[in-house]
Amino acid sequence: MATPRKKPVRKVATVKEDSYSELEMYCIWLNEYYKALRASGFDMELALGLVIDKGSYPAWVKYRTPSLGEIVEFIEDEDED
């Protein structure tokens, strides 16, 4: 009797840089929120609607929406590179 094959272990991707701006952290959180909604069974339209609606964010979320000044500063920094 043959032994069952083990599934290969998939290596988890890690973040190389940990010095993110507030805007980058907020965008990462939005992406993770969307992926979690999709993984829990929400269809694409409803998951996107919940991500857009700030009232749906859990109370324990510590990431705040970046101010307009932070967004403009981030865009100007990217243009200089």
Protein backbone atom coordinates (compact mmCIF):
# COMPACT_ATOMS: atom_id res chain seq x y z
CA MET A 1 0.00 0.00 0.00
CA ALA A 2 1.41 3.36 -1.03
CA THR A 3 1.73 6.14 1.49
CA PRO A 4 -0.18 9.34 0.68
CA ARG A 5 1.87 12.18 -0.71
CA LYS A 6 2.32 15.25 1.43
CA LYS A 7 1.37 18.59 -0.01
CA PRO A 8 4.38 20.86 -0.52
CA VAL A 9 4.69 23.61 2.07
CA ARG A 10 4.28 27.01 0.47
CA LYS A 11 6.67 29.62 1.79
CA VAL A 12 4.96 32.77 3.02
CA ALA A 13 6.11 35.98 1.39
CA THR A 14 7.59 38.41 3.88
CA VAL A 15 7.84 42.16 3.80
CA LYS A 16 11.38 43.35 3.18
CA GLU A 17 10.87 46.93 4.20
CA ASP A 18 9.24 48.01 7.44
CA SER A 19 9.50 51.78 7.13
CA TYR A 20 6.16 52.47 5.48
CA SER A 21 4.45 55.84 5.39
CA GLU A 22 0.95 56.27 6.81
CA LEU A 23 -0.46 56.21 3.28
CA GLU A 24 1.30 52.96 2.42
CA MET A 25 0.15 51.31 5.66
CA TYR A 26 -3.43 52.40 4.98
CA CYS A 27 -3.31 51.00 1.43
CA ILE A 28 -1.85 47.71 2.67
CA TRP A 29 -4.63 47.47 5.26
CA LEU A 30 -7.30 48.15 2.61
CA ASN A 31 -5.85 45.40 0.42
CA GLU A 32 -5.78 42.92 3.31
CA TYR A 33 -9.34 43.89 4.32
CA TYR A 34 -10.56 43.24 0.76
CA LYS A 35 -8.76 39.89 0.56
CA ALA A 36 -10.20 38.83 3.93
CA LEU A 37 -13.72 39.73 2.80
CA ARG A 38 -13.28 37.73 -0.41
CA ALA A 39 -11.83 34.75 1.45
CA SER A 40 -14.78 34.74 3.84
CA GLY A 41 -17.24 34.43 0.97
CA PHE A 42 -18.25 37.95 -0.01
CA ASP A 43 -18.68 38.50 -3.73
CA MET A 44 -16.45 41.05 -5.46
CA GLU A 45 -18.99 43.89 -5.60
CA LEU A 46 -20.03 43.62 -1.95
CA ALA A 47 -16.43 43.30 -0.72
CA LEU A 48 -15.42 46.38 -2.71
CA GLY A 49 -18.44 48.25 -1.38
CA LEU A 50 -17.46 47.44 2.20
CA VAL A 51 -13.88 48.54 1.59
CA ILE A 52 -15.10 51.87 0.19
CA ASP A 53 -17.56 52.43 3.07
CA LYS A 54 -15.47 53.65 6.02
CA GLY A 55 -18.38 52.97 8.36
CA SER A 56 -17.86 49.23 7.83
CA TYR A 57 -14.31 49.25 9.22
CA PRO A 58 -13.94 47.34 12.49
CA ALA A 59 -13.59 49.49 15.62
CA TRP A 60 -10.19 48.00 16.46
CA VAL A 61 -8.57 49.21 13.22
CA LYS A 62 -5.79 51.62 14.15
CA TYR A 63 -4.93 52.81 10.67
CA ARG A 64 -6.35 56.22 10.00
CA THR A 65 -7.10 57.73 6.64
CA PRO A 66 -4.09 59.78 5.56
CA SER A 67 -4.56 63.52 5.32
CA LEU A 68 -4.46 65.23 1.95
CA GLY A 69 -1.08 66.75 2.88
CA GLU A 70 0.43 63.29 3.42
CA ILE A 71 -0.91 62.10 0.06
CA VAL A 72 0.49 65.13 -1.80
CA GLU A 73 3.83 64.75 0.00
CA PHE A 74 3.99 61.06 -0.95
CA ILE A 75 3.23 61.82 -4.61
CA GLU A 76 5.86 64.57 -4.73
CA ASP A 77 8.46 62.22 -3.20
CA GLU A 78 7.72 59.59 -5.84
CA ASP A 79 8.10 62.13 -8.66
CA GLU A 80 11.60 63.09 -7.51
CA ASP A 81 12.88 59.52 -7.90
